[in-house]
Amino acid sequence: MINIAGLNKNDVVNGEGVSVSVFLQGCHFHCPGCHNPEAWPEDGGQPYMEQEFINIVLKAIGANGIMRNLSILGGEPLDTKNKIEFIKQLIYQVKNKYPNIKIVLWTGYEYEEIKNRVDLKYILSNIDYLIDGPFKIEERDITLKWRGSRNQKIRNLKTGEIEC
């Protein structure tokens, strides 16, 4: 089972172009001013069987003949083994069916903290963009692309470019 805080099948804010955005439930960061505090409790959200939810996402990506990208947000997607294993399966199946779509993942962890974690190697090598760093209310800036505070970075994991 995986707890899902939300699903937006036609998101034009979180990610490149039109995306299917998956909001995972559970976050230990509890950043003051968080945009999704309802996603903090691990036991909140809607429980799904993992494959059932992946099938929903796969269908949504290509619905009505419109190709969408995939955005993975939270809560915190990388804070439990269960979520990490789910994300690996999600990415694997999405890339298998739609090899050319872009995948963006948001995390409160800094890239330097997670770049060498063995359990994240598959995820980091198969996503296109990583938005890293906790939301900091004192650095809040609503004009930024894909992020809420100036400390967060957009990392293109394919080219190595960083947008601050």
C-alpha atoms as a PDB file:
ATOM      1  CA  MET A   1       0.000   0.000   0.000  1.00  0.00           C
ATOM      2  CA  ILE A   2       1.030   3.553  -0.705  1.00  0.00           C
ATOM      3  CA  ASN A   3      -0.664   6.659   0.689  1.00  0.00           C
ATOM      4  CA  ILE A   4      -1.292   9.375  -1.878  1.00  0.00           C
ATOM      5  CA  ALA A   5      -1.964  12.965  -0.826  1.00  0.00           C
ATOM      6  CA  GLY A   6      -3.162  13.973  -4.279  1.00  0.00           C
ATOM      7  CA  LEU A   7      -3.112  13.467  -8.021  1.00  0.00           C
ATOM      8  CA  ASN A   8      -3.365  16.217 -10.625  1.00  0.00           C
ATOM      9  CA  LYS A   9      -3.765  14.716 -14.096  1.00  0.00           C
ATOM     10  CA  ASN A  10      -3.320  18.025 -15.954  1.00  0.00           C
ATOM     11  CA  ASP A  11      -0.858  20.139 -13.982  1.00  0.00           C
ATOM     12  CA  VAL A  12       0.662  23.160 -15.753  1.00  0.00           C
ATOM     13  CA  VAL A  13       2.436  24.569 -12.672  1.00  0.00           C
ATOM     14  CA  ASN A  14       4.620  21.743 -11.345  1.00  0.00           C
ATOM     15  CA  GLY A  15       7.018  20.735 -14.071  1.00  0.00           C
ATOM     16  CA  GLU A  16       7.617  21.119 -17.763  1.00  0.00           C
ATOM     17  CA  GLY A  17       4.574  21.546 -20.031  1.00  0.00           C
ATOM     18  CA  VAL A  18       1.524  19.575 -18.921  1.00  0.00           C
ATOM     19  CA  SER A  19       2.291  16.985 -16.253  1.00  0.00           C
ATOM     20  CA  VAL A  20       0.640  14.319 -14.206  1.00  0.00           C
ATOM     21  CA  SER A  21       1.571  15.324 -10.653  1.00  0.00           C
ATOM     22  CA  VAL A  22       1.692  12.712  -7.907  1.00  0.00           C
ATOM     23  CA  PHE A  23       1.698  14.029  -4.330  1.00  0.00           C
ATOM     24  CA  LEU A  24       2.948  11.393  -1.894  1.00  0.00           C
ATOM     25  CA  GLN A  25       1.719  11.408   1.685  1.00  0.00           C
ATOM     26  CA  GLY A  26       4.077  11.862   4.622  1.00  0.00           C
ATOM     27  CA  CYS A  27       6.838  14.329   5.410  1.00  0.00           C
ATOM     28  CA  HIS A  28       9.139  14.630   8.403  1.00  0.00           C
ATOM     29  CA  PHE A  29      10.506  18.098   7.483  1.00  0.00           C
ATOM     30  CA  HIS A  30       7.414  20.094   8.601  1.00  0.00           C
ATOM     31  CA  CYS A  31       8.743  23.313   7.040  1.00  0.00           C
ATOM     32  CA  PRO A  32       7.089  26.444   8.468  1.00  0.00           C
ATOM     33  CA  GLY A  33       4.846  27.899   5.750  1.00  0.00           C
ATOM     34  CA  CYS A  34       4.663  24.603   3.850  1.00  0.00           C
ATOM     35  CA  HIS A  35       2.320  24.631   0.851  1.00  0.00           C
ATOM     36  CA  ASN A  36       1.054  21.085   1.626  1.00  0.00           C
ATOM     37  CA  PRO A  37       0.947  20.602   5.436  1.00  0.00           C
ATOM     38  CA  GLU A  38      -2.001  18.224   5.013  1.00  0.00           C
ATOM     39  CA  ALA A  39       0.515  15.833   3.411  1.00  0.00           C
ATOM     40  CA  TRP A  40       2.687  15.630   6.560  1.00  0.00           C
ATOM     41  CA  PRO A  41       1.044  12.676   8.399  1.00  0.00           C
ATOM     42  CA  GLU A  42       2.262   9.319   7.079  1.00  0.00           C
ATOM     43  CA  ASP A  43      -1.152   7.759   7.658  1.00  0.00           C
ATOM     44  CA  GLY A  44      -3.113  10.488   5.872  1.00  0.00           C
ATOM     45  CA  GLY A  45      -4.181  10.716   2.266  1.00  0.00           C
ATOM     46  CA  GLN A  46      -5.765   7.954   0.225  1.00  0.00           C
ATOM     47  CA  PRO A  47      -4.310   4.427   0.411  1.00  0.00           C
ATOM     48  CA  TYR A  48      -3.802   2.562  -2.872  1.00  0.00           C
ATOM     49  CA  MET A  49      -2.291  -0.705  -3.908  1.00  0.00           C
ATOM     50  CA  GLU A  50       0.949   0.336  -5.603  1.00  0.00           C
ATOM     51  CA  GLN A  51       0.244  -1.234  -9.000  1.00  0.00           C
ATOM     52  CA  GLU A  52      -3.314   0.080  -9.020  1.00  0.00           C
ATOM     53  CA  PHE A  53      -2.038   3.628  -8.587  1.00  0.00           C
ATOM     54  CA  ILE A  54       0.758   3.198 -11.144  1.00  0.00           C
ATOM     55  CA  ASN A  55      -1.868   2.056 -13.661  1.00  0.00           C
ATOM     56  CA  ILE A  56      -3.881   5.215 -12.977  1.00  0.00           C
ATOM     57  CA  VAL A  57      -0.781   7.347 -13.606  1.00  0.00           C
ATOM     58  CA  LEU A  58       0.142   5.453 -16.797  1.00  0.00           C
ATOM     59  CA  LYS A  59      -3.358   5.964 -18.168  1.00  0.00           C
ATOM     60  CA  ALA A  60      -3.369   9.658 -17.208  1.00  0.00           C
ATOM     61  CA  ILE A  61      -0.019  10.364 -18.913  1.00  0.00           C
ATOM     62  CA  GLY A  62      -1.351   9.477 -22.354  1.00  0.00           C
ATOM     63  CA  ALA A  63      -5.041  10.338 -21.872  1.00  0.00           C
ATOM     64  CA  ASN A  64      -6.872  11.843 -24.861  1.00  0.00           C
ATOM     65  CA  GLY A  65      -3.774  11.478 -27.037  1.00  0.00           C
ATOM     66  CA  ILE A  66      -1.947  14.250 -25.137  1.00  0.00           C
ATOM     67  CA  MET A  67       1.511  13.362 -23.827  1.00  0.00           C
ATOM     68  CA  ARG A  68       2.131  14.590 -20.316  1.00  0.00           C
ATOM     69  CA  ASN A  69       5.269  14.595 -18.212  1.00  0.00           C
ATOM     70  CA  LEU A  70       5.472  13.248 -14.653  1.00  0.00           C
ATOM     71  CA  SER A  71       6.010  15.284 -11.493  1.00  0.00           C
ATOM     72  CA  ILE A  72       6.601  13.606  -8.121  1.00  0.00           C
ATOM     73  CA  LEU A  73       6.009  15.762  -5.048  1.00  0.00           C
ATOM     74  CA  GLY A  74       4.865  15.468  -1.474  1.00  0.00           C
ATOM     75  CA  GLY A  75       4.902  15.358   1.377  1.00  0.00           C
ATOM     76  CA  GLU A  76       8.434  14.083   1.048  1.00  0.00           C
ATOM     77  CA  PRO A  77       8.933  11.451  -1.671  1.00  0.00           C
ATOM     78  CA  LEU A  78      12.309  10.224  -0.392  1.00  0.00           C
ATOM     79  CA  ASP A  79      11.801   9.768   3.341  1.00  0.00           C
ATOM     80  CA  THR A  80      10.769   6.116   3.650  1.00  0.00           C
ATOM     81  CA  LYS A  81      11.861   2.850   2.064  1.00  0.00           C
ATOM     82  CA  ASN A  82       8.246   2.161   1.059  1.00  0.00           C
ATOM     83  CA  LYS A  83       7.987   5.421  -0.919  1.00  0.00           C
ATOM     84  CA  ILE A  84      11.424   4.974  -2.484  1.00  0.00           C
ATOM     85  CA  GLU A  85      10.539   1.475  -3.711  1.00  0.00           C
ATOM     86  CA  PHE A  86       7.209   2.761  -5.032  1.00  0.00           C
ATOM     87  CA  ILE A  87       8.921   5.621  -6.903  1.00  0.00           C
ATOM     88  CA  LYS A  88      11.416   3.192  -8.457  1.00  0.00           C
ATOM     89  CA  GLN A  89       8.547   1.070  -9.771  1.00  0.00           C
ATOM     90  CA  LEU A  90       6.609   4.121 -10.944  1.00  0.00           C
ATOM     91  CA  ILE A  91       9.617   5.510 -12.839  1.00  0.00           C
ATOM     92  CA  TYR A  92      10.484   2.120 -14.316  1.00  0.00           C
ATOM     93  CA  GLN A  93       6.980   1.530 -15.650  1.00  0.00           C
ATOM     94  CA  VAL A  94       6.508   5.110 -16.857  1.00  0.00           C
ATOM     95  CA  LYS A  95       9.854   5.131 -18.707  1.00  0.00           C
ATOM     96  CA  ASN A  96       9.121   1.689 -20.156  1.00  0.00           C
ATOM     97  CA  LYS A  97       5.809   2.845 -21.631  1.00  0.00           C
ATOM     98  CA  TYR A  98       6.737   6.490 -22.323  1.00  0.00           C
ATOM     99  CA  PRO A  99      10.546   6.652 -22.742  1.00  0.00           C
ATOM    100  CA  ASN A 100      10.644  10.294 -23.870  1.00  0.00           C
ATOM    101  CA  ILE A 101       8.705  12.048 -21.120  1.00  0.00           C
ATOM    102  CA  LYS A 102      10.373  14.294 -18.571  1.00  0.00           C
ATOM    103  CA  ILE A 103      10.269  13.397 -14.887  1.00  0.00           C
ATOM    104  CA  VAL A 104      10.664  16.016 -12.146  1.00  0.00           C
ATOM    105  CA  LEU A 105      10.987  15.151  -8.442  1.00  0.00           C
ATOM    106  CA  TRP A 106      10.816  17.552  -5.478  1.00  0.00           C
ATOM    107  CA  THR A 107      12.598  16.796  -2.204  1.00  0.00           C
ATOM    108  CA  GLY A 108      13.411  18.658   0.983  1.00  0.00           C
ATOM    109  CA  TYR A 109      16.797  16.952   1.058  1.00  0.00           C
ATOM    110  CA  GLU A 110      19.833  18.747  -0.349  1.00  0.00           C
ATOM    111  CA  TYR A 111      21.355  17.013  -3.376  1.00  0.00           C
ATOM    112  CA  GLU A 112      24.696  16.700  -1.569  1.00  0.00           C
ATOM    113  CA  GLU A 113      22.947  14.668   1.177  1.00  0.00           C
ATOM    114  CA  ILE A 114      21.420  12.148  -1.213  1.00  0.00           C
ATOM    115  CA  LYS A 115      23.588  11.978  -4.352  1.00  0.00           C
ATOM    116  CA  ASN A 116      25.587   8.958  -3.159  1.00  0.00           C
ATOM    117  CA  ARG A 117      22.767   7.017  -1.502  1.00  0.00           C
ATOM    118  CA  VAL A 118      22.651   3.561  -3.044  1.00  0.00           C
ATOM    119  CA  ASP A 119      18.883   3.287  -2.512  1.00  0.00           C
ATOM    120  CA  LEU A 120      18.359   6.433  -4.626  1.00  0.00           C
ATOM    121  CA  LYS A 121      20.768   5.640  -7.476  1.00  0.00           C
ATOM    122  CA  TYR A 122      18.047   4.332  -9.814  1.00  0.00           C
ATOM    123  CA  ILE A 123      15.753   7.283  -9.120  1.00  0.00           C
ATOM    124  CA  LEU A 124      18.438   9.950  -9.550  1.00  0.00           C
ATOM    125  CA  SER A 125      19.704   8.395 -12.788  1.00  0.00           C
ATOM    126  CA  ASN A 126      16.212   8.155 -14.326  1.00  0.00           C
ATOM    127  CA  ILE A 127      14.680  11.544 -13.541  1.00  0.00           C
ATOM    128  CA  ASP A 128      15.353  14.669 -15.553  1.00  0.00           C
ATOM    129  CA  TYR A 129      15.065  17.345 -12.879  1.00  0.00           C
ATOM    130  CA  LEU A 130      15.494  17.355  -9.116  1.00  0.00           C
ATOM    131  CA  ILE A 131      14.179  20.297  -7.106  1.00  0.00           C
ATOM    132  CA  ASP A 132      16.120  20.056  -3.847  1.00  0.00           C
ATOM    133  CA  GLY A 133      16.186  21.736  -0.471  1.00  0.00           C
ATOM    134  CA  PRO A 134      13.608  22.445   2.209  1.00  0.00           C
ATOM    135  CA  PHE A 135      11.127  25.265   1.825  1.00  0.00           C
ATOM    136  CA  LYS A 136      12.334  28.236   3.880  1.00  0.00           C
ATOM    137  CA  ILE A 137       9.678  30.812   4.682  1.00  0.00           C
ATOM    138  CA  GLU A 138      12.302  33.534   5.113  1.00  0.00           C
ATOM    139  CA  GLU A 139      13.439  32.915   1.511  1.00  0.00           C
ATOM    140  CA  ARG A 140       9.936  32.584   0.063  1.00  0.00           C
ATOM    141  CA  ASP A 141       9.609  33.918  -3.484  1.00  0.00           C
ATOM    142  CA  ILE A 142       6.448  33.163  -5.453  1.00  0.00           C
ATOM    143  CA  THR A 143       8.031  34.350  -8.721  1.00  0.00           C
ATOM    144  CA  LEU A 144      10.456  31.405  -8.894  1.00  0.00           C
ATOM    145  CA  LYS A 145      10.042  28.652 -11.468  1.00  0.00           C
ATOM    146  CA  TRP A 146       8.914  25.332  -9.890  1.00  0.00           C
ATOM    147  CA  ARG A 147       9.916  26.196  -6.324  1.00  0.00           C
ATOM    148  CA  GLY A 148       8.831  28.307  -3.389  1.00  0.00           C
ATOM    149  CA  SER A 149      12.031  29.605  -1.790  1.00  0.00           C
ATOM    150  CA  ARG A 150      15.356  30.951  -3.086  1.00  0.00           C
ATOM    151  CA  ASN A 151      17.450  28.269  -1.351  1.00  0.00           C
ATOM    152  CA  GLN A 152      15.872  25.537  -3.465  1.00  0.00           C
ATOM    153  CA  LYS A 153      17.607  24.580  -6.704  1.00  0.00           C
ATOM    154  CA  ILE A 154      16.442  23.105  -9.990  1.00  0.00           C
ATOM    155  CA  ARG A 155      19.014  20.508 -10.987  1.00  0.00           C
ATOM    156  CA  ASN A 156      18.993  19.137 -14.509  1.00  0.00           C
ATOM    157  CA  LEU A 157      20.365  15.682 -13.774  1.00  0.00           C
ATOM    158  CA  LYS A 158      20.940  14.969 -17.488  1.00  0.00           C
ATOM    159  CA  THR A 159      23.131  18.009 -18.188  1.00  0.00           C
ATOM    160  CA  GLY A 160      24.388  18.908 -14.700  1.00  0.00           C
ATOM    161  CA  GLU A 161      23.058  22.475 -15.022  1.00  0.00           C
ATOM    162  CA  ILE A 162      21.739  24.129 -11.857  1.00  0.00           C
ATOM    163  CA  GLU A 163      19.183  26.925 -11.715  1.00  0.00           C
ATOM    164  CA  CYS A 164      19.250  28.823  -8.430  1.00  0.00           C
END
